[in-house]
Amino acid sequence: MRKLLLSLLLLTFIIACRREAATETPGTKEVWIRIKNTTTGDLNNILVGDVNYGTVVPGSITEYKLISVPVYTPWCQFKVAGHIVYAGNGICGSPPPPSFEGGYYTYRITESPTLPVYGVEMTKQ
């Protein structure tokens, strides 16, 4: 009797897990990001997570690329005139904030008109 009860409990758990997994929409947990360069110069070797967008010229926008590592804040790295530049809000402390929800995002790279400072404005489509 005890084995029957445990078997039924295990079977119920397995069926419940399968049903939940089956109702998830494929791709909803994936984060896709594109880059829009609103600065006056080329942005070279733009990195977001583990993805390199290459060179993005002023006024252009890239295709969306799948980011395979968790993204917690709008932040990126790139080169300007041979110098590595960081833009956006990094994270410090623990625990980290929640990672981005699945979906499509645009990082709009901006620059200060008076200082050599760059920023990232993020929008979710």
PDB file of N, CA and C in Angstrom:
ATOM      1  N   MET A   1       0.829  -1.200   0.000  1.00  0.00           N
ATOM      2  CA  MET A   1       0.000   0.000   0.000  1.00  0.00           C
ATOM      3  C   MET A   1       0.871   1.261   0.000  1.00  0.00           C
ATOM      4  N   ARG A   2       1.913   1.218   0.790  1.00  0.00           N
ATOM      5  CA  ARG A   2       2.809   2.367   0.876  1.00  0.00           C
ATOM      6  C   ARG A   2       3.508   2.603  -0.464  1.00  0.00           C
ATOM      7  N   LYS A   3       3.942   1.531  -1.141  1.00  0.00           N
ATOM      8  CA  LYS A   3       4.592   1.665  -2.442  1.00  0.00           C
ATOM      9  C   LYS A   3       3.623   2.221  -3.478  1.00  0.00           C
ATOM     10  N   LEU A   4       2.382   1.798  -3.423  1.00  0.00           N
ATOM     11  CA  LEU A   4       1.374   2.296  -4.346  1.00  0.00           C
ATOM     12  C   LEU A   4       1.146   3.788  -4.149  1.00  0.00           C
ATOM     13  N   LEU A   5       1.059   4.225  -2.912  1.00  0.00           N
ATOM     14  CA  LEU A   5       0.854   5.632  -2.605  1.00  0.00           C
ATOM     15  C   LEU A   5       2.042   6.473  -3.086  1.00  0.00           C
ATOM     16  N   LEU A   6       3.259   6.009  -2.837  1.00  0.00           N
ATOM     17  CA  LEU A   6       4.452   6.724  -3.299  1.00  0.00           C
ATOM     18  C   LEU A   6       4.527   6.760  -4.824  1.00  0.00           C
ATOM     19  N   SER A   7       4.155   5.666  -5.465  1.00  0.00           N
ATOM     20  CA  SER A   7       4.163   5.619  -6.926  1.00  0.00           C
ATOM     21  C   SER A   7       3.163   6.602  -7.517  1.00  0.00           C
ATOM     22  N   LEU A   8       1.967   6.674  -6.936  1.00  0.00           N
ATOM     23  CA  LEU A   8       0.957   7.620  -7.415  1.00  0.00           C
ATOM     24  C   LEU A   8       1.407   9.070  -7.201  1.00  0.00           C
ATOM     25  N   LEU A   9       2.031   9.332  -6.073  1.00  0.00           N
ATOM     26  CA  LEU A   9       2.532  10.669  -5.798  1.00  0.00           C
ATOM     27  C   LEU A   9       3.616  11.065  -6.798  1.00  0.00           C
ATOM     28  N   LEU A  10       4.534  10.151  -7.073  1.00  0.00           N
ATOM     29  CA  LEU A  10       5.601  10.407  -8.038  1.00  0.00           C
ATOM     30  C   LEU A  10       5.030  10.610  -9.443  1.00  0.00           C
ATOM     31  N   LEU A  11       4.088   9.789  -9.839  1.00  0.00           N
ATOM     32  CA  LEU A  11       3.462   9.912 -11.150  1.00  0.00           C
ATOM     33  C   LEU A  11       2.742  11.253 -11.280  1.00  0.00           C
ATOM     34  N   THR A  12       2.044  11.680 -10.253  1.00  0.00           N
ATOM     35  CA  THR A  12       1.355  12.972 -10.268  1.00  0.00           C
ATOM     36  C   THR A  12       2.353  14.111 -10.440  1.00  0.00           C
ATOM     37  N   PHE A  13       3.474  14.048  -9.733  1.00  0.00           N
ATOM     38  CA  PHE A  13       4.510  15.068  -9.826  1.00  0.00           C
ATOM     39  C   PHE A  13       5.086  15.133 -11.239  1.00  0.00           C
ATOM     40  N   ILE A  14       5.376  13.995 -11.840  1.00  0.00           N
ATOM     41  CA  ILE A  14       5.942  13.947 -13.190  1.00  0.00           C
ATOM     42  C   ILE A  14       4.966  14.528 -14.201  1.00  0.00           C
ATOM     43  N   ILE A  15       3.700  14.167 -14.107  1.00  0.00           N
ATOM     44  CA  ILE A  15       2.684  14.678 -15.036  1.00  0.00           C
ATOM     45  C   ILE A  15       2.536  16.188 -14.879  1.00  0.00           C
ATOM     46  N   ALA A  16       2.538  16.685 -13.651  1.00  0.00           N
ATOM     47  CA  ALA A  16       2.403  18.126 -13.408  1.00  0.00           C
ATOM     48  C   ALA A  16       3.590  18.886 -13.998  1.00  0.00           C
ATOM     49  N   CYS A  17       4.783  18.356 -13.856  1.00  0.00           N
ATOM     50  CA  CYS A  17       5.969  19.023 -14.407  1.00  0.00           C
ATOM     51  C   CYS A  17       5.923  19.045 -15.931  1.00  0.00           C
ATOM     52  N   ARG A  18       5.508  17.971 -16.532  1.00  0.00           N
ATOM     53  CA  ARG A  18       5.424  17.920 -17.996  1.00  0.00           C
ATOM     54  C   ARG A  18       4.381  18.893 -18.512  1.00  0.00           C
ATOM     55  N   ARG A  19       3.262  18.992 -17.837  1.00  0.00           N
ATOM     56  CA  ARG A  19       2.198  19.885 -18.280  1.00  0.00           C
ATOM     57  C   ARG A  19       2.673  21.335 -18.214  1.00  0.00           C
ATOM     58  N   GLU A  20       3.384  21.728 -17.145  1.00  0.00           N
ATOM     59  CA  GLU A  20       3.886  23.091 -17.015  1.00  0.00           C
ATOM     60  C   GLU A  20       4.908  23.389 -18.103  1.00  0.00           C
ATOM     61  N   ALA A  21       5.813  22.471 -18.372  1.00  0.00           N
ATOM     62  CA  ALA A  21       6.835  22.677 -19.394  1.00  0.00           C
ATOM     63  C   ALA A  21       6.197  22.789 -20.777  1.00  0.00           C
ATOM     64  N   ALA A  22       5.134  22.063 -21.014  1.00  0.00           N
ATOM     65  CA  ALA A  22       4.492  22.071 -22.325  1.00  0.00           C
ATOM     66  C   ALA A  22       3.761  23.381 -22.591  1.00  0.00           C
ATOM     67  N   THR A  23       3.343  24.096 -21.523  1.00  0.00           N
ATOM     68  CA  THR A  23       2.603  25.333 -21.736  1.00  0.00           C
ATOM     69  C   THR A  23       3.501  26.539 -21.954  1.00  0.00           C
ATOM     70  N   GLU A  24       4.820  26.406 -21.743  1.00  0.00           N
ATOM     71  CA  GLU A  24       5.724  27.522 -21.988  1.00  0.00           C
ATOM     72  C   GLU A  24       5.827  27.790 -23.486  1.00  0.00           C
ATOM     73  N   THR A  25       5.838  29.062 -23.845  1.00  0.00           N
ATOM     74  CA  THR A  25       6.002  29.435 -25.242  1.00  0.00           C
ATOM     75  C   THR A  25       7.476  29.382 -25.596  1.00  0.00           C
ATOM     76  N   PRO A  26       7.846  28.653 -26.645  1.00  0.00           N
ATOM     77  CA  PRO A  26       9.254  28.576 -27.018  1.00  0.00           C
ATOM     78  C   PRO A  26       9.835  29.962 -27.299  1.00  0.00           C
ATOM     79  N   GLY A  27      11.032  30.196 -26.804  1.00  0.00           N
ATOM     80  CA  GLY A  27      11.722  31.439 -27.074  1.00  0.00           C
ATOM     81  C   GLY A  27      11.396  32.594 -26.147  1.00  0.00           C
ATOM     82  N   THR A  28      10.453  32.426 -25.221  1.00  0.00           N
ATOM     83  CA  THR A  28      10.071  33.551 -24.375  1.00  0.00           C
ATOM     84  C   THR A  28      11.140  33.907 -23.357  1.00  0.00           C
ATOM     85  N   LYS A  29      12.068  33.021 -23.091  1.00  0.00           N
ATOM     86  CA  LYS A  29      13.119  33.320 -22.126  1.00  0.00           C
ATOM     87  C   LYS A  29      14.369  33.858 -22.807  1.00  0.00           C
ATOM     88  N   GLU A  30      14.376  33.904 -24.118  1.00  0.00           N
ATOM     89  CA  GLU A  30      15.549  34.378 -24.846  1.00  0.00           C
ATOM     90  C   GLU A  30      15.586  35.898 -24.857  1.00  0.00           C
ATOM     91  N   VAL A  31      16.790  36.443 -24.706  1.00  0.00           N
ATOM     92  CA  VAL A  31      16.996  37.885 -24.746  1.00  0.00           C
ATOM     93  C   VAL A  31      17.712  38.227 -26.049  1.00  0.00           C
ATOM     94  N   TRP A  32      17.082  39.087 -26.845  1.00  0.00           N
ATOM     95  CA  TRP A  32      17.627  39.532 -28.124  1.00  0.00           C
ATOM     96  C   TRP A  32      17.892  41.024 -28.008  1.00  0.00           C
ATOM     97  N   ILE A  33      19.103  41.452 -28.370  1.00  0.00           N
ATOM     98  CA  ILE A  33      19.477  42.864 -28.245  1.00  0.00           C
ATOM     99  C   ILE A  33      20.055  43.360 -29.568  1.00  0.00           C
ATOM    100  N   ARG A  34      19.686  44.594 -29.916  1.00  0.00           N
ATOM    101  CA  ARG A  34      20.300  45.260 -31.061  1.00  0.00           C
ATOM    102  C   ARG A  34      20.891  46.582 -30.556  1.00  0.00           C
ATOM    103  N   ILE A  35      21.805  47.148 -31.345  1.00  0.00           N
ATOM    104  CA  ILE A  35      22.513  48.366 -30.966  1.00  0.00           C
ATOM    105  C   ILE A  35      22.167  49.486 -31.939  1.00  0.00           C
ATOM    106  N   LYS A  36      21.866  50.669 -31.401  1.00  0.00           N
ATOM    107  CA  LYS A  36      21.651  51.863 -32.216  1.00  0.00           C
ATOM    108  C   LYS A  36      22.718  52.883 -31.825  1.00  0.00           C
ATOM    109  N   ASN A  37      23.511  53.314 -32.794  1.00  0.00           N
ATOM    110  CA  ASN A  37      24.581  54.267 -32.546  1.00  0.00           C
ATOM    111  C   ASN A  37      24.079  55.686 -32.812  1.00  0.00           C
ATOM    112  N   THR A  38      23.855  56.458 -31.747  1.00  0.00           N
ATOM    113  CA  THR A  38      23.414  57.844 -31.896  1.00  0.00           C
ATOM    114  C   THR A  38      24.568  58.816 -31.656  1.00  0.00           C
ATOM    115  N   THR A  39      25.796  58.299 -31.620  1.00  0.00           N
ATOM    116  CA  THR A  39      26.962  59.148 -31.400  1.00  0.00           C
ATOM    117  C   THR A  39      27.459  59.710 -32.732  1.00  0.00           C
ATOM    118  N   THR A  40      28.536  60.486 -32.664  1.00  0.00           N
ATOM    119  CA  THR A  40      29.091  61.083 -33.883  1.00  0.00           C
ATOM    120  C   THR A  40      30.261  60.288 -34.450  1.00  0.00           C
ATOM    121  N   GLY A  41      30.624  59.165 -33.807  1.00  0.00           N
ATOM    122  CA  GLY A  41      31.763  58.385 -34.279  1.00  0.00           C
ATOM    123  C   GLY A  41      31.461  56.903 -34.352  1.00  0.00           C
ATOM    124  N   ASP A  42      32.372  56.170 -34.985  1.00  0.00           N
ATOM    125  CA  ASP A  42      32.241  54.717 -35.064  1.00  0.00           C
ATOM    126  C   ASP A  42      32.424  54.091 -33.689  1.00  0.00           C
ATOM    127  N   LEU A  43      31.630  53.076 -33.402  1.00  0.00           N
ATOM    128  CA  LEU A  43      31.784  52.271 -32.187  1.00  0.00           C
ATOM    129  C   LEU A  43      32.273  50.903 -32.655  1.00  0.00           C
ATOM    130  N   ASN A  44      33.460  50.517 -32.220  1.00  0.00           N
ATOM    131  CA  ASN A  44      34.094  49.292 -32.707  1.00  0.00           C
ATOM    132  C   ASN A  44      34.058  48.179 -31.666  1.00  0.00           C
ATOM    133  N   ASN A  45      33.871  46.957 -32.154  1.00  0.00           N
ATOM    134  CA  ASN A  45      33.884  45.763 -31.295  1.00  0.00           C
ATOM    135  C   ASN A  45      32.955  45.897 -30.095  1.00  0.00           C
ATOM    136  N   ILE A  46      31.719  46.270 -30.361  1.00  0.00           N
ATOM    137  CA  ILE A  46      30.741  46.426 -29.279  1.00  0.00           C
ATOM    138  C   ILE A  46      30.432  45.058 -28.692  1.00  0.00           C
ATOM    139  N   LEU A  47      30.595  44.943 -27.379  1.00  0.00           N
ATOM    140  CA  LEU A  47      30.306  43.697 -26.669  1.00  0.00           C
ATOM    141  C   LEU A  47      29.133  43.884 -25.725  1.00  0.00           C
ATOM    142  N   VAL A  48      28.158  42.994 -25.838  1.00  0.00           N
ATOM    143  CA  VAL A  48      27.063  42.890 -24.881  1.00  0.00           C
ATOM    144  C   VAL A  48      27.051  41.437 -24.448  1.00  0.00           C
ATOM    145  N   GLY A  49      27.323  41.200 -23.180  1.00  0.00           N
ATOM    146  CA  GLY A  49      27.446  39.814 -22.721  1.00  0.00           C
ATOM    147  C   GLY A  49      28.587  39.147 -23.452  1.00  0.00           C
ATOM    148  N   ASP A  50      28.285  38.086 -24.161  1.00  0.00           N
ATOM    149  CA  ASP A  50      29.305  37.343 -24.899  1.00  0.00           C
ATOM    150  C   ASP A  50      29.193  37.550 -26.416  1.00  0.00           C
ATOM    151  N   VAL A  51      28.447  38.573 -26.841  1.00  0.00           N
ATOM    152  CA  VAL A  51      28.204  38.797 -28.263  1.00  0.00           C
ATOM    153  C   VAL A  51      28.931  40.058 -28.740  1.00  0.00           C
ATOM    154  N   ASN A  52      29.654  39.932 -29.851  1.00  0.00           N
ATOM    155  CA  ASN A  52      30.357  41.054 -30.454  1.00  0.00           C
ATOM    156  C   ASN A  52      29.559  41.534 -31.666  1.00  0.00           C
ATOM    157  N   TYR A  53      29.189  42.806 -31.677  1.00  0.00           N
ATOM    158  CA  TYR A  53      28.409  43.382 -32.769  1.00  0.00           C
ATOM    159  C   TYR A  53      29.291  43.990 -33.856  1.00  0.00           C
ATOM    160  N   GLY A  54      30.605  43.945 -33.671  1.00  0.00           N
ATOM    161  CA  GLY A  54      31.505  44.524 -34.663  1.00  0.00           C
ATOM    162  C   GLY A  54      31.476  46.039 -34.609  1.00  0.00           C
ATOM    163  N   THR A  55      31.628  46.675 -35.768  1.00  0.00           N
ATOM    164  CA  THR A  55      31.627  48.138 -35.855  1.00  0.00           C
ATOM    165  C   THR A  55      30.239  48.626 -36.237  1.00  0.00           C
ATOM    166  N   VAL A  56      29.773  49.645 -35.513  1.00  0.00           N
ATOM    167  CA  VAL A  56      28.478  50.257 -35.807  1.00  0.00           C
ATOM    168  C   VAL A  56      28.742  51.735 -36.068  1.00  0.00           C
ATOM    169  N   VAL A  57      28.431  52.171 -37.268  1.00  0.00           N
ATOM    170  CA  VAL A  57      28.694  53.555 -37.677  1.00  0.00           C
ATOM    171  C   VAL A  57      27.595  54.479 -37.146  1.00  0.00           C
ATOM    172  N   PRO A  58      27.876  55.784 -37.064  1.00  0.00           N
ATOM    173  CA  PRO A  58      26.883  56.731 -36.548  1.00  0.00           C
ATOM    174  C   PRO A  58      25.559  56.656 -37.315  1.00  0.00           C
ATOM    175  N   GLY A  59      24.470  56.697 -36.568  1.00  0.00           N
ATOM    176  CA  GLY A  59      23.142  56.703 -37.168  1.00  0.00           C
ATOM    177  C   GLY A  59      22.611  55.346 -37.587  1.00  0.00           C
ATOM    178  N   SER A  60      23.397  54.288 -37.414  1.00  0.00           N
ATOM    179  CA  SER A  60      22.925  52.967 -37.866  1.00  0.00           C
ATOM    180  C   SER A  60      22.445  52.126 -36.688  1.00  0.00           C
ATOM    181  N   ILE A  61      21.762  51.053 -37.045  1.00  0.00           N
ATOM    182  CA  ILE A  61      21.219  50.123 -36.047  1.00  0.00           C
ATOM    183  C   ILE A  61      21.513  48.705 -36.522  1.00  0.00           C
ATOM    184  N   THR A  62      21.898  47.849 -35.609  1.00  0.00           N
ATOM    185  CA  THR A  62      22.251  46.473 -35.957  1.00  0.00           C
ATOM    186  C   THR A  62      21.004  45.592 -36.003  1.00  0.00           C
ATOM    187  N   GLU A  63      21.212  44.371 -36.451  1.00  0.00           N
ATOM    188  CA  GLU A  63      20.177  43.343 -36.339  1.00  0.00           C
ATOM    189  C   GLU A  63      20.144  42.875 -34.881  1.00  0.00           C
ATOM    190  N   TYR A  64      19.033  42.260 -34.484  1.00  0.00           N
ATOM    191  CA  TYR A  64      18.963  41.665 -33.154  1.00  0.00           C
ATOM    192  C   TYR A  64      19.899  40.461 -33.087  1.00  0.00           C
ATOM    193  N   LYS A  65      20.562  40.296 -31.947  1.00  0.00           N
ATOM    194  CA  LYS A  65      21.402  39.121 -31.720  1.00  0.00           C
ATOM    195  C   LYS A  65      21.011  38.492 -30.393  1.00  0.00           C
ATOM    196  N   LEU A  66      21.033  37.169 -30.374  1.00  0.00           N
ATOM    197  CA  LEU A  66      20.683  36.417 -29.173  1.00  0.00           C
ATOM    198  C   LEU A  66      21.829  36.494 -28.173  1.00  0.00           C
ATOM    199  N   ILE A  67      21.519  36.886 -26.952  1.00  0.00           N
ATOM    200  CA  ILE A  67      22.498  36.953 -25.874  1.00  0.00           C
ATOM    201  C   ILE A  67      22.324  35.688 -25.035  1.00  0.00           C
ATOM    202  N   SER A  68      23.398  34.901 -24.935  1.00  0.00           N
ATOM    203  CA  SER A  68      23.269  33.598 -24.279  1.00  0.00           C
ATOM    204  C   SER A  68      23.666  33.603 -22.803  1.00  0.00           C
ATOM    205  N   VAL A  69      24.070  34.753 -22.281  1.00  0.00           N
ATOM    206  CA  VAL A  69      24.392  34.860 -20.853  1.00  0.00           C
ATOM    207  C   VAL A  69      23.377  35.802 -20.220  1.00  0.00           C
ATOM    208  N   PRO A  70      23.133  35.699 -18.916  1.00  0.00           N
ATOM    209  CA  PRO A  70      22.160  36.603 -18.286  1.00  0.00           C
ATOM    210  C   PRO A  70      22.578  38.062 -18.422  1.00  0.00           C
ATOM    211  N   VAL A  71      21.599  38.928 -18.680  1.00  0.00           N
ATOM    212  CA  VAL A  71      21.829  40.364 -18.772  1.00  0.00           C
ATOM    213  C   VAL A  71      21.051  41.006 -17.621  1.00  0.00           C
ATOM    214  N   TYR A  72      21.771  41.749 -16.776  1.00  0.00           N
ATOM    215  CA  TYR A  72      21.150  42.326 -15.585  1.00  0.00           C
ATOM    216  C   TYR A  72      20.885  43.825 -15.715  1.00  0.00           C
ATOM    217  N   THR A  73      21.714  44.516 -16.491  1.00  0.00           N
ATOM    218  CA  THR A  73      21.566  45.964 -16.662  1.00  0.00           C
ATOM    219  C   THR A  73      21.961  46.331 -18.091  1.00  0.00           C
ATOM    220  N   PRO A  74      21.478  47.490 -18.590  1.00  0.00           N
ATOM    221  CA  PRO A  74      21.927  47.937 -19.904  1.00  0.00           C
ATOM    222  C   PRO A  74      23.374  48.421 -19.815  1.00  0.00           C
ATOM    223  N   TRP A  75      24.285  47.619 -20.288  1.00  0.00           N
ATOM    224  CA  TRP A  75      25.716  47.891 -20.190  1.00  0.00           C
ATOM    225  C   TRP A  75      26.402  47.278 -21.392  1.00  0.00           C
ATOM    226  N   CYS A  76      27.422  47.942 -21.900  1.00  0.00           N
ATOM    227  CA  CYS A  76      28.196  47.385 -22.997  1.00  0.00           C
ATOM    228  C   CYS A  76      29.609  47.960 -22.992  1.00  0.00           C
ATOM    229  N   GLN A  77      30.451  47.356 -23.795  1.00  0.00           N
ATOM    230  CA  GLN A  77      31.843  47.769 -23.939  1.00  0.00           C
ATOM    231  C   GLN A  77      32.128  47.916 -25.427  1.00  0.00           C
ATOM    232  N   PHE A  78      32.943  48.904 -25.780  1.00  0.00           N
ATOM    233  CA  PHE A  78      33.330  49.080 -27.174  1.00  0.00           C
ATOM    234  C   PHE A  78      34.618  49.885 -27.235  1.00  0.00           C
ATOM    235  N   LYS A  79      35.132  50.051 -28.444  1.00  0.00           N
ATOM    236  CA  LYS A  79      36.350  50.848 -28.640  1.00  0.00           C
ATOM    237  C   LYS A  79      36.013  52.096 -29.445  1.00  0.00           C
ATOM    238  N   VAL A  80      36.597  53.218 -29.020  1.00  0.00           N
ATOM    239  CA  VAL A  80      36.495  54.481 -29.735  1.00  0.00           C
ATOM    240  C   VAL A  80      37.923  55.003 -29.882  1.00  0.00           C
ATOM    241  N   ALA A  81      38.346  55.220 -31.108  1.00  0.00           N
ATOM    242  CA  ALA A  81      39.703  55.711 -31.388  1.00  0.00           C
ATOM    243  C   ALA A  81      40.757  54.840 -30.700  1.00  0.00           C
ATOM    244  N   GLY A  82      40.528  53.535 -30.682  1.00  0.00           N
ATOM    245  CA  GLY A  82      41.494  52.607 -30.107  1.00  0.00           C
ATOM    246  C   GLY A  82      41.430  52.446 -28.602  1.00  0.00           C
ATOM    247  N   HIS A  83      40.563  53.189 -27.926  1.00  0.00           N
ATOM    248  CA  HIS A  83      40.437  53.111 -26.464  1.00  0.00           C
ATOM    249  C   HIS A  83      39.199  52.323 -26.073  1.00  0.00           C
ATOM    250  N   ILE A  84      39.334  51.456 -25.078  1.00  0.00           N
ATOM    251  CA  ILE A  84      38.179  50.703 -24.583  1.00  0.00           C
ATOM    252  C   ILE A  84      37.309  51.624 -23.742  1.00  0.00           C
ATOM    253  N   VAL A  85      36.008  51.610 -24.030  1.00  0.00           N
ATOM    254  CA  VAL A  85      35.036  52.462 -23.352  1.00  0.00           C
ATOM    255  C   VAL A  85      33.929  51.576 -22.792  1.00  0.00           C
ATOM    256  N   TYR A  86      33.462  51.915 -21.608  1.00  0.00           N
ATOM    257  CA  TYR A  86      32.339  51.220 -20.994  1.00  0.00           C
ATOM    258  C   TYR A  86      31.168  52.188 -20.915  1.00  0.00           C
ATOM    259  N   ALA A  87      29.988  51.711 -21.257  1.00  0.00           N
ATOM    260  CA  ALA A  87      28.802  52.567 -21.237  1.00  0.00           C
ATOM    261  C   ALA A  87      27.655  51.843 -20.558  1.00  0.00           C
ATOM    262  N   GLY A  88      26.870  52.589 -19.814  1.00  0.00           N
ATOM    263  CA  GLY A  88      25.704  52.029 -19.148  1.00  0.00           C
ATOM    264  C   GLY A  88      25.932  51.861 -17.668  1.00  0.00           C
ATOM    265  N   ASN A  89      25.046  51.106 -17.055  1.00  0.00           N
ATOM    266  CA  ASN A  89      25.082  50.891 -15.619  1.00  0.00           C
ATOM    267  C   ASN A  89      25.525  49.480 -15.318  1.00  0.00           C
ATOM    268  N   GLY A  90      26.712  49.328 -14.785  1.00  0.00           N
ATOM    269  CA  GLY A  90      27.163  48.015 -14.346  1.00  0.00           C
ATOM    270  C   GLY A  90      26.495  47.665 -13.028  1.00  0.00           C
ATOM    271  N   ILE A  91      26.827  46.507 -12.484  1.00  0.00           N
ATOM    272  CA  ILE A  91      26.253  46.115 -11.201  1.00  0.00           C
ATOM    273  C   ILE A  91      27.380  45.868 -10.208  1.00  0.00           C
ATOM    274  N   CYS A  92      27.078  46.126  -8.963  1.00  0.00           N
ATOM    275  CA  CYS A  92      27.998  45.762  -7.893  1.00  0.00           C
ATOM    276  C   CYS A  92      27.148  45.367  -6.698  1.00  0.00           C
ATOM    277  N   GLY A  93      27.735  44.561  -5.850  1.00  0.00           N
ATOM    278  CA  GLY A  93      26.990  44.072  -4.704  1.00  0.00           C
ATOM    279  C   GLY A  93      26.314  42.756  -5.015  1.00  0.00           C
ATOM    280  N   SER A  94      25.728  42.190  -4.004  1.00  0.00           N
ATOM    281  CA  SER A  94      25.029  40.940  -4.204  1.00  0.00           C
ATOM    282  C   SER A  94      23.795  40.941  -3.326  1.00  0.00           C
ATOM    283  N   PRO A  95      22.769  40.288  -3.706  1.00  0.00           N
ATOM    284  CA  PRO A  95      22.640  39.550  -4.954  1.00  0.00           C
ATOM    285  C   PRO A  95      22.452  40.505  -6.119  1.00  0.00           C
ATOM    286  N   PRO A  96      22.723  40.022  -7.355  1.00  0.00           N
ATOM    287  CA  PRO A  96      22.505  40.891  -8.516  1.00  0.00           C
ATOM    288  C   PRO A  96      21.009  41.124  -8.718  1.00  0.00           C
ATOM    289  N   PRO A  97      20.661  42.178  -9.449  1.00  0.00           N
ATOM    290  CA  PRO A  97      19.244  42.400  -9.751  1.00  0.00           C
ATOM    291  C   PRO A  97      18.725  41.276 -10.638  1.00  0.00           C
ATOM    292  N   PRO A  98      17.413  41.173 -10.802  1.00  0.00           N
ATOM    293  CA  PRO A  98      16.884  40.139 -11.700  1.00  0.00           C
ATOM    294  C   PRO A  98      17.388  40.360 -13.125  1.00  0.00           C
ATOM    295  N   SER A  99      17.602  39.272 -13.836  1.00  0.00           N
ATOM    296  CA  SER A  99      18.043  39.391 -15.227  1.00  0.00           C
ATOM    297  C   SER A  99      16.866  39.830 -16.100  1.00  0.00           C
ATOM    298  N   PHE A 100      17.189  40.303 -17.299  1.00  0.00           N
ATOM    299  CA  PHE A 100      16.162  40.759 -18.227  1.00  0.00           C
ATOM    300  C   PHE A 100      15.163  39.640 -18.504  1.00  0.00           C
ATOM    301  N   GLU A 101      13.918  40.027 -18.690  1.00  0.00           N
ATOM    302  CA  GLU A 101      12.901  39.089 -19.159  1.00  0.00           C
ATOM    303  C   GLU A 101      13.205  38.755 -20.610  1.00  0.00           C
ATOM    304  N   GLY A 102      12.684  37.640 -21.077  1.00  0.00           N
ATOM    305  CA  GLY A 102      12.839  37.313 -22.482  1.00  0.00           C
ATOM    306  C   GLY A 102      12.175  38.371 -23.344  1.00  0.00           C
ATOM    307  N   GLY A 103      12.756  38.626 -24.507  1.00  0.00           N
ATOM    308  CA  GLY A 103      12.167  39.601 -25.411  1.00  0.00           C
ATOM    309  C   GLY A 103      13.220  40.298 -26.244  1.00  0.00           C
ATOM    310  N   TYR A 104      12.799  41.367 -26.919  1.00  0.00           N
ATOM    311  CA  TYR A 104      13.657  42.123 -27.826  1.00  0.00           C
ATOM    312  C   TYR A 104      13.925  43.506 -27.236  1.00  0.00           C
ATOM    313  N   TYR A 105      15.209  43.869 -27.186  1.00  0.00           N
ATOM    314  CA  TYR A 105      15.638  45.128 -26.593  1.00  0.00           C
ATOM    315  C   TYR A 105      16.508  45.900 -27.573  1.00  0.00           C
ATOM    316  N   THR A 106      16.468  47.238 -27.459  1.00  0.00           N
ATOM    317  CA  THR A 106      17.367  48.098 -28.216  1.00  0.00           C
ATOM    318  C   THR A 106      18.207  48.887 -27.228  1.00  0.00           C
ATOM    319  N   TYR A 107      19.534  48.839 -27.430  1.00  0.00           N
ATOM    320  CA  TYR A 107      20.471  49.669 -26.670  1.00  0.00           C
ATOM    321  C   TYR A 107      20.799  50.868 -27.551  1.00  0.00           C
ATOM    322  N   ARG A 108      20.427  52.045 -27.102  1.00  0.00           N
ATOM    323  CA  ARG A 108      20.734  53.281 -27.826  1.00  0.00           C
ATOM    324  C   ARG A 108      21.964  53.885 -27.166  1.00  0.00           C
ATOM    325  N   ILE A 109      23.091  53.866 -27.892  1.00  0.00           N
ATOM    326  CA  ILE A 109      24.342  54.385 -27.353  1.00  0.00           C
ATOM    327  C   ILE A 109      24.367  55.898 -27.556  1.00  0.00           C
ATOM    328  N   THR A 110      24.593  56.636 -26.464  1.00  0.00           N
ATOM    329  CA  THR A 110      24.609  58.098 -26.497  1.00  0.00           C
ATOM    330  C   THR A 110      25.977  58.607 -26.048  1.00  0.00           C
ATOM    331  N   GLU A 111      26.236  59.869 -26.351  1.00  0.00           N
ATOM    332  CA  GLU A 111      27.473  60.491 -25.862  1.00  0.00           C
ATOM    333  C   GLU A 111      27.161  61.877 -25.333  1.00  0.00           C
ATOM    334  N   SER A 112      27.943  62.300 -24.355  1.00  0.00           N
ATOM    335  CA  SER A 112      27.805  63.637 -23.797  1.00  0.00           C
ATOM    336  C   SER A 112      28.351  64.648 -24.808  1.00  0.00           C
ATOM    337  N   PRO A 113      27.671  65.778 -24.996  1.00  0.00           N
ATOM    338  CA  PRO A 113      28.174  66.772 -25.948  1.00  0.00           C
ATOM    339  C   PRO A 113      29.428  67.501 -25.451  1.00  0.00           C
ATOM    340  N   THR A 114      29.686  67.454 -24.147  1.00  0.00           N
ATOM    341  CA  THR A 114      30.819  68.211 -23.610  1.00  0.00           C
ATOM    342  C   THR A 114      31.913  67.349 -22.996  1.00  0.00           C
ATOM    343  N   LEU A 115      31.607  66.130 -22.619  1.00  0.00           N
ATOM    344  CA  LEU A 115      32.584  65.250 -21.970  1.00  0.00           C
ATOM    345  C   LEU A 115      32.756  63.969 -22.776  1.00  0.00           C
ATOM    346  N   PRO A 116      33.885  63.320 -22.638  1.00  0.00           N
ATOM    347  CA  PRO A 116      34.037  62.015 -23.311  1.00  0.00           C
ATOM    348  C   PRO A 116      33.371  60.901 -22.497  1.00  0.00           C
ATOM    349  N   VAL A 117      32.040  61.011 -22.362  1.00  0.00           N
ATOM    350  CA  VAL A 117      31.269  60.052 -21.572  1.00  0.00           C
ATOM    351  C   VAL A 117      30.160  59.481 -22.453  1.00  0.00           C
ATOM    352  N   TYR A 118      29.977  58.153 -22.376  1.00  0.00           N
ATOM    353  CA  TYR A 118      28.961  57.481 -23.178  1.00  0.00           C
ATOM    354  C   TYR A 118      27.911  56.863 -22.254  1.00  0.00           C
ATOM    355  N   GLY A 119      26.709  56.733 -22.766  1.00  0.00           N
ATOM    356  CA  GLY A 119      25.635  56.125 -22.001  1.00  0.00           C
ATOM    357  C   GLY A 119      24.855  55.140 -22.846  1.00  0.00           C
ATOM    358  N   VAL A 120      23.979  54.379 -22.178  1.00  0.00           N
ATOM    359  CA  VAL A 120      23.109  53.420 -22.860  1.00  0.00           C
ATOM    360  C   VAL A 120      21.683  53.659 -22.391  1.00  0.00           C
ATOM    361  N   GLU A 121      20.786  53.888 -23.338  1.00  0.00           N
ATOM    362  CA  GLU A 121      19.360  53.964 -23.048  1.00  0.00           C
ATOM    363  C   GLU A 121      18.729  52.703 -23.613  1.00  0.00           C
ATOM    364  N   MET A 122      18.021  51.966 -22.775  1.00  0.00           N
ATOM    365  CA  MET A 122      17.464  50.681 -23.182  1.00  0.00           C
ATOM    366  C   MET A 122      15.949  50.781 -23.301  1.00  0.00           C
ATOM    367  N   THR A 123      15.425  50.215 -24.388  1.00  0.00           N
ATOM    368  CA  THR A 123      13.979  50.099 -24.539  1.00  0.00           C
ATOM    369  C   THR A 123      13.643  48.657 -24.897  1.00  0.00           C
ATOM    370  N   LYS A 124      12.503  48.200 -24.409  1.00  0.00           N
ATOM    371  CA  LYS A 124      12.027  46.863 -24.746  1.00  0.00           C
ATOM    372  C   LYS A 124      10.924  46.998 -25.772  1.00  0.00           C
ATOM    373  N   GLN A 125      11.020  46.225 -26.858  1.00  0.00           N
ATOM    374  CA  GLN A 125      10.015  46.298 -27.910  1.00  0.00           C
ATOM    375  C   GLN A 125       8.822  45.440 -27.532  1.00  0.00           C
TER     376      GLN A 125
END
